[in-house]
Amino acid sequence: MKPTINIEYCPKCGWLLRSAWMAQELLTTFTDDLHGVQLIPSEVAGRYIITIGEIVIWDRKREGRFPEPKEVKQLIRDHIDPERSLGHSDR
């Protein structure tokens, strides 16, 4: 079964567009590998967390910043297909 990526974001902070952009990047890169990307408006202010199931891929508060798409793609690849090349995103 293909995984679903969840992006939980703070709508009060205006992070919907950032989340949608990240979802687009992931769906474009992992076209055949993902079931989908789910955008989840958070009840918690300032939240921006990317998960695969129960696995936290990125937590903005933990890392102290937003991720670059390249970083998220590499982290997701490492979970779903570690041998896969991401081309320019691996450089």
Protein backbone atom coordinates (compact mmCIF):
# COMPACT_ATOMS: atom_id res chain seq x y z
CA MET A 1 0.00 0.00 0.00
CA LYS A 2 1.30 3.43 -0.94
CA PRO A 3 1.83 5.91 1.91
CA THR A 4 -0.04 9.16 2.44
CA ILE A 5 1.96 12.22 3.45
CA ASN A 6 0.26 14.53 5.96
CA ILE A 7 1.12 18.20 6.19
CA GLU A 8 -0.39 19.81 9.27
CA TYR A 9 -0.16 23.59 9.07
CA CYS A 10 -1.33 26.66 10.97
CA PRO A 11 -4.07 28.39 8.95
CA LYS A 12 -4.00 31.41 11.29
CA CYS A 13 -0.35 31.94 10.33
CA GLY A 14 -1.24 31.90 6.63
CA TRP A 15 0.70 28.72 5.84
CA LEU A 16 -1.85 27.11 3.51
CA LEU A 17 -0.03 28.24 0.36
CA ARG A 18 3.32 27.00 1.72
CA SER A 19 1.70 23.65 2.49
CA ALA A 20 0.03 23.39 -0.92
CA TRP A 21 3.32 24.22 -2.62
CA MET A 22 5.09 21.47 -0.64
CA ALA A 23 2.28 19.03 -1.52
CA GLN A 24 2.70 19.87 -5.21
CA GLU A 25 6.46 19.31 -5.00
CA LEU A 26 5.97 15.93 -3.33
CA LEU A 27 3.23 14.76 -5.70
CA THR A 28 5.33 15.76 -8.70
CA THR A 29 8.44 13.98 -7.42
CA PHE A 30 6.73 10.85 -6.06
CA THR A 31 3.96 10.49 -8.67
CA ASP A 32 3.90 6.67 -8.60
CA ASP A 33 4.99 6.19 -4.99
CA LEU A 34 2.36 8.04 -2.93
CA HIS A 35 -1.31 7.43 -2.29
CA GLY A 36 -1.63 11.19 -1.76
CA VAL A 37 -0.77 14.23 0.29
CA GLN A 38 -3.25 15.43 2.87
CA LEU A 39 -3.32 19.05 4.05
CA ILE A 40 -4.57 19.35 7.63
CA PRO A 41 -5.41 22.73 9.18
CA SER A 42 -4.05 22.64 12.72
CA GLU A 43 -5.82 23.74 15.87
CA VAL A 44 -2.38 24.53 17.33
CA ALA A 45 -0.90 27.92 16.48
CA GLY A 46 2.44 27.87 14.67
CA ARG A 47 2.32 24.20 13.74
CA TYR A 48 3.91 22.91 10.53
CA ILE A 49 4.53 19.16 10.72
CA ILE A 50 5.05 16.69 7.88
CA THR A 51 4.41 13.02 8.65
CA ILE A 52 4.16 9.62 7.02
CA GLY A 53 1.77 7.71 9.25
CA GLU A 54 3.15 8.12 12.77
CA ILE A 55 6.66 9.03 11.56
CA VAL A 56 7.48 12.73 11.88
CA ILE A 57 9.49 13.77 8.82
CA TRP A 58 9.71 17.47 9.71
CA ASP A 59 8.55 19.58 12.64
CA ARG A 60 9.08 23.32 12.22
CA LYS A 61 9.26 23.93 15.97
CA ARG A 62 11.77 21.12 16.51
CA GLU A 63 13.98 22.24 13.61
CA GLY A 64 13.54 25.97 14.21
CA ARG A 65 12.73 26.71 10.56
CA PHE A 66 10.73 25.66 7.54
CA PRO A 67 12.17 22.90 5.36
CA GLU A 68 13.37 23.29 1.82
CA PRO A 69 11.54 20.98 -0.61
CA LYS A 70 14.84 19.24 -1.36
CA GLU A 71 15.24 18.27 2.32
CA VAL A 72 11.70 16.91 2.60
CA LYS A 73 12.04 14.95 -0.65
CA GLN A 74 15.24 13.33 0.61
CA LEU A 75 13.70 12.44 3.98
CA ILE A 76 10.58 10.96 2.37
CA ARG A 77 12.65 9.06 -0.17
CA ASP A 78 14.72 7.61 2.68
CA HIS A 79 11.49 6.19 4.17
CA ILE A 80 9.71 4.93 1.06
CA ASP A 81 12.53 4.00 -1.36
CA PRO A 82 16.07 4.52 0.00
CA GLU A 83 17.75 3.31 -3.20
CA ARG A 84 15.93 5.81 -5.42
CA SER A 85 17.85 8.68 -7.00
CA LEU A 86 16.28 12.10 -6.79
CA GLY A 87 18.49 13.52 -9.51
CA HIS A 88 19.29 17.17 -8.90
CA SER A 89 17.67 17.02 -5.43
CA ASP A 90 20.43 14.66 -4.30
CA ARG A 91 23.19 17.14 -5.03
